[in-house]
Amino acid sequence: MGLLFSNVGAQFRTLTGGEVAGYTALLADSRNQARERMWREARARGANAVVAMRFDCNEIGGIMSEIAAYGTAVTVETIQTAGITADTRQ
């Protein structure tokens, strides 16, 4: 129900200008969910980090938005060289 009101509010705001707080909150929540799904998938594949992460946003039918998060799942390890320990995580 919140999405319906946010979409209607967004249409009215298009005419008058300004931010639709409910719609902005929904998009932020969607980005967080997409990022969390990506992180779970990376962990399931044995990764402990994701690099070059990006969001991809698309509109569906003029009434919805979809958000995808993607990146490269990697495993970061500590390297020891000649008695010096270098942590590769920065």
N, C-alpha and C. Protein backbone atom coordinates (compact mmCIF):
# COMPACT_ATOMS: atom_id res chain seq x y z
N MET A 1 0.82 -1.18 0.00
CA MET A 1 0.00 0.00 0.00
C MET A 1 0.87 1.25 0.00
N GLY A 2 2.00 1.22 0.73
CA GLY A 2 2.90 2.37 0.78
C GLY A 2 3.47 2.70 -0.59
N LEU A 3 3.73 1.66 -1.39
CA LEU A 3 4.26 1.88 -2.73
C LEU A 3 3.26 2.61 -3.60
N LEU A 4 1.97 2.26 -3.49
CA LEU A 4 0.93 2.92 -4.27
C LEU A 4 0.90 4.41 -3.96
N PHE A 5 0.89 4.76 -2.66
CA PHE A 5 0.85 6.17 -2.29
C PHE A 5 2.12 6.90 -2.69
N SER A 6 3.26 6.22 -2.60
CA SER A 6 4.51 6.84 -3.01
C SER A 6 4.52 7.12 -4.51
N ASN A 7 4.02 6.17 -5.30
CA ASN A 7 3.97 6.38 -6.75
C ASN A 7 3.01 7.51 -7.11
N VAL A 8 1.86 7.57 -6.46
CA VAL A 8 0.91 8.66 -6.71
C VAL A 8 1.53 9.98 -6.29
N GLY A 9 2.16 9.99 -5.14
CA GLY A 9 2.83 11.21 -4.66
C GLY A 9 3.94 11.64 -5.60
N ALA A 10 4.67 10.66 -6.15
CA ALA A 10 5.75 10.98 -7.09
C ALA A 10 5.19 11.62 -8.34
N GLN A 11 4.04 11.16 -8.80
CA GLN A 11 3.43 11.75 -10.00
C GLN A 11 3.02 13.20 -9.74
N PHE A 12 2.46 13.49 -8.58
CA PHE A 12 2.09 14.87 -8.25
C PHE A 12 3.32 15.75 -8.09
N ARG A 13 4.36 15.20 -7.47
CA ARG A 13 5.59 15.97 -7.29
C ARG A 13 6.26 16.29 -8.62
N THR A 14 6.07 15.42 -9.61
CA THR A 14 6.62 15.68 -10.94
C THR A 14 6.08 17.01 -11.47
N LEU A 15 4.83 17.29 -11.17
CA LEU A 15 4.21 18.53 -11.63
C LEU A 15 4.70 19.73 -10.85
N THR A 16 4.91 19.57 -9.55
CA THR A 16 5.25 20.71 -8.70
C THR A 16 6.73 20.78 -8.34
N GLY A 17 7.45 19.71 -8.53
CA GLY A 17 8.86 19.67 -8.17
C GLY A 17 9.04 19.26 -6.72
N GLY A 18 10.24 18.85 -6.38
CA GLY A 18 10.54 18.46 -4.99
C GLY A 18 10.73 16.97 -4.83
N GLU A 19 11.14 16.60 -3.64
CA GLU A 19 11.42 15.19 -3.33
C GLU A 19 10.20 14.54 -2.70
N VAL A 20 9.96 13.28 -3.07
CA VAL A 20 8.90 12.49 -2.45
C VAL A 20 9.59 11.59 -1.42
N ALA A 21 9.46 11.96 -0.16
CA ALA A 21 10.19 11.28 0.91
C ALA A 21 9.87 9.79 0.96
N GLY A 22 8.61 9.41 0.78
CA GLY A 22 8.25 7.99 0.83
C GLY A 22 8.90 7.20 -0.29
N TYR A 23 8.94 7.78 -1.47
CA TYR A 23 9.55 7.11 -2.62
C TYR A 23 11.06 7.00 -2.44
N THR A 24 11.67 8.07 -1.92
CA THR A 24 13.11 8.06 -1.65
C THR A 24 13.45 6.97 -0.63
N ALA A 25 12.63 6.83 0.39
CA ALA A 25 12.85 5.80 1.41
C ALA A 25 12.71 4.40 0.81
N LEU A 26 11.73 4.20 -0.06
CA LEU A 26 11.55 2.90 -0.72
C LEU A 26 12.75 2.55 -1.58
N LEU A 27 13.27 3.52 -2.31
CA LEU A 27 14.44 3.27 -3.16
C LEU A 27 15.67 2.95 -2.31
N ALA A 28 15.85 3.66 -1.21
CA ALA A 28 16.98 3.39 -0.32
C ALA A 28 16.87 1.98 0.26
N ASP A 29 15.66 1.59 0.67
CA ASP A 29 15.44 0.24 1.20
C ASP A 29 15.72 -0.81 0.12
N SER A 30 15.30 -0.53 -1.11
CA SER A 30 15.54 -1.47 -2.21
C SER A 30 17.03 -1.62 -2.49
N ARG A 31 17.78 -0.52 -2.46
CA ARG A 31 19.24 -0.60 -2.65
C ARG A 31 19.88 -1.43 -1.56
N ASN A 32 19.44 -1.23 -0.32
CA ASN A 32 20.01 -2.01 0.80
C ASN A 32 19.70 -3.49 0.65
N GLN A 33 18.48 -3.83 0.25
CA GLN A 33 18.12 -5.23 0.05
C GLN A 33 18.94 -5.85 -1.07
N ALA A 34 19.13 -5.13 -2.16
CA ALA A 34 19.92 -5.64 -3.29
C ALA A 34 21.37 -5.87 -2.87
N ARG A 35 21.93 -4.92 -2.10
CA ARG A 35 23.31 -5.04 -1.62
C ARG A 35 23.45 -6.23 -0.68
N GLU A 36 22.48 -6.42 0.20
CA GLU A 36 22.53 -7.54 1.14
C GLU A 36 22.43 -8.88 0.41
N ARG A 37 21.56 -8.97 -0.62
CA ARG A 37 21.47 -10.21 -1.41
C ARG A 37 22.79 -10.50 -2.11
N MET A 38 23.41 -9.47 -2.67
CA MET A 38 24.70 -9.65 -3.34
C MET A 38 25.74 -10.16 -2.35
N TRP A 39 25.78 -9.56 -1.17
CA TRP A 39 26.75 -9.97 -0.15
C TRP A 39 26.52 -11.42 0.28
N ARG A 40 25.25 -11.82 0.47
CA ARG A 40 24.96 -13.22 0.84
C ARG A 40 25.43 -14.18 -0.25
N GLU A 41 25.19 -13.83 -1.50
CA GLU A 41 25.63 -14.68 -2.61
C GLU A 41 27.16 -14.79 -2.64
N ALA A 42 27.85 -13.69 -2.42
CA ALA A 42 29.32 -13.70 -2.40
C ALA A 42 29.82 -14.59 -1.27
N ARG A 43 29.25 -14.46 -0.08
CA ARG A 43 29.66 -15.29 1.06
C ARG A 43 29.38 -16.78 0.78
N ALA A 44 28.26 -17.08 0.14
CA ALA A 44 27.92 -18.46 -0.18
C ALA A 44 28.93 -19.08 -1.13
N ARG A 45 29.62 -18.25 -1.90
CA ARG A 45 30.65 -18.72 -2.84
C ARG A 45 32.05 -18.67 -2.24
N GLY A 46 32.15 -18.37 -0.95
CA GLY A 46 33.43 -18.39 -0.26
C GLY A 46 34.17 -17.06 -0.25
N ALA A 47 33.58 -16.00 -0.75
CA ALA A 47 34.23 -14.69 -0.78
C ALA A 47 34.11 -14.02 0.58
N ASN A 48 35.06 -13.12 0.87
CA ASN A 48 34.94 -12.31 2.08
C ASN A 48 34.92 -10.82 1.77
N ALA A 49 34.81 -10.48 0.48
CA ALA A 49 34.71 -9.09 0.05
C ALA A 49 34.08 -9.02 -1.34
N VAL A 50 33.56 -7.85 -1.68
CA VAL A 50 33.05 -7.59 -3.02
C VAL A 50 33.71 -6.31 -3.49
N VAL A 51 34.33 -6.35 -4.67
CA VAL A 51 34.97 -5.15 -5.22
C VAL A 51 34.23 -4.72 -6.48
N ALA A 52 34.44 -3.46 -6.85
CA ALA A 52 33.83 -2.87 -8.04
C ALA A 52 32.30 -3.00 -8.01
N MET A 53 31.72 -2.79 -6.82
CA MET A 53 30.28 -2.92 -6.65
C MET A 53 29.55 -1.75 -7.30
N ARG A 54 28.43 -2.07 -7.96
CA ARG A 54 27.61 -1.05 -8.60
C ARG A 54 26.14 -1.38 -8.45
N PHE A 55 25.31 -0.37 -8.64
CA PHE A 55 23.86 -0.55 -8.70
C PHE A 55 23.41 -0.32 -10.12
N ASP A 56 22.40 -1.07 -10.54
CA ASP A 56 21.76 -0.86 -11.83
C ASP A 56 20.28 -0.65 -11.55
N CYS A 57 19.73 0.46 -12.02
CA CYS A 57 18.33 0.80 -11.77
C CYS A 57 17.57 0.89 -13.08
N ASN A 58 16.40 0.31 -13.12
CA ASN A 58 15.56 0.36 -14.31
C ASN A 58 14.12 0.61 -13.91
N GLU A 59 13.38 1.19 -14.83
CA GLU A 59 11.96 1.42 -14.62
C GLU A 59 11.20 0.31 -15.33
N ILE A 60 10.14 -0.19 -14.68
CA ILE A 60 9.33 -1.26 -15.25
C ILE A 60 7.93 -0.70 -15.50
N GLY A 61 7.56 -0.62 -16.73
CA GLY A 61 6.21 -0.22 -17.10
C GLY A 61 5.81 1.18 -16.66
N GLY A 62 6.77 2.02 -16.34
CA GLY A 62 6.45 3.37 -15.92
C GLY A 62 5.85 3.49 -14.54
N ILE A 63 5.73 2.35 -13.81
CA ILE A 63 5.11 2.41 -12.48
C ILE A 63 5.99 1.81 -11.38
N MET A 64 7.05 1.12 -11.76
CA MET A 64 7.91 0.49 -10.76
C MET A 64 9.37 0.70 -11.13
N SER A 65 10.21 0.54 -10.15
CA SER A 65 11.65 0.57 -10.37
C SER A 65 12.24 -0.73 -9.84
N GLU A 66 13.24 -1.23 -10.55
CA GLU A 66 13.98 -2.39 -10.04
C GLU A 66 15.42 -1.96 -9.83
N ILE A 67 16.03 -2.52 -8.81
CA ILE A 67 17.41 -2.19 -8.49
C ILE A 67 18.19 -3.48 -8.34
N ALA A 68 19.30 -3.57 -9.06
CA ALA A 68 20.18 -4.73 -8.97
C ALA A 68 21.55 -4.26 -8.47
N ALA A 69 22.16 -5.04 -7.63
CA ALA A 69 23.52 -4.76 -7.16
C ALA A 69 24.43 -5.84 -7.72
N TYR A 70 25.59 -5.43 -8.20
CA TYR A 70 26.53 -6.42 -8.71
C TYR A 70 27.95 -5.97 -8.46
N GLY A 71 28.85 -6.93 -8.43
CA GLY A 71 30.26 -6.66 -8.20
C GLY A 71 31.02 -7.96 -8.35
N THR A 72 32.31 -7.91 -8.06
CA THR A 72 33.16 -9.09 -8.17
C THR A 72 33.45 -9.62 -6.77
N ALA A 73 33.05 -10.87 -6.53
CA ALA A 73 33.29 -11.51 -5.24
C ALA A 73 34.75 -11.97 -5.20
N VAL A 74 35.46 -11.61 -4.12
CA VAL A 74 36.87 -11.96 -3.99
C VAL A 74 37.15 -12.47 -2.58
N THR A 75 38.29 -13.11 -2.42
CA THR A 75 38.77 -13.52 -1.12
C THR A 75 40.03 -12.71 -0.82
N VAL A 76 40.01 -11.94 0.24
CA VAL A 76 41.14 -11.11 0.64
C VAL A 76 41.90 -11.87 1.72
N GLU A 77 43.21 -11.96 1.55
CA GLU A 77 44.05 -12.69 2.50
C GLU A 77 45.22 -11.83 2.94
N THR A 78 45.80 -12.16 4.09
CA THR A 78 47.00 -11.50 4.58
C THR A 78 48.22 -12.17 3.94
N ILE A 79 49.14 -11.34 3.46
CA ILE A 79 50.36 -11.86 2.81
C ILE A 79 51.55 -11.62 3.74
N GLN A 80 52.41 -12.64 3.90
CA GLN A 80 53.63 -12.48 4.69
C GLN A 80 54.82 -12.58 3.74
N THR A 81 55.67 -11.54 3.76
CA THR A 81 56.84 -11.51 2.88
C THR A 81 58.07 -11.12 3.69
N ALA A 82 59.09 -11.94 3.68
CA ALA A 82 60.38 -11.65 4.34
C ALA A 82 60.21 -11.13 5.75
N GLY A 83 59.34 -11.79 6.51
CA GLY A 83 59.16 -11.41 7.90
C GLY A 83 58.28 -10.18 8.09
N ILE A 84 57.80 -9.60 7.01
CA ILE A 84 56.92 -8.44 7.11
C ILE A 84 55.50 -8.89 6.78
N THR A 85 54.58 -8.56 7.64
CA THR A 85 53.18 -8.91 7.38
C THR A 85 52.48 -7.72 6.75
N ALA A 86 51.88 -7.96 5.60
CA ALA A 86 51.13 -6.89 4.92
C ALA A 86 49.68 -7.32 4.83
N ASP A 87 48.83 -6.55 5.40
CA ASP A 87 47.39 -6.82 5.31
C ASP A 87 46.89 -6.24 3.99
N THR A 88 46.32 -7.10 3.14
CA THR A 88 45.88 -6.65 1.82
C THR A 88 44.56 -5.93 1.87
N ARG A 89 43.88 -5.96 3.00
CA ARG A 89 42.60 -5.25 3.12
C ARG A 89 42.87 -3.79 3.42
N GLN A 90 42.37 -2.92 2.57
CA GLN A 90 42.58 -1.48 2.78
C GLN A 90 41.31 -0.75 2.67
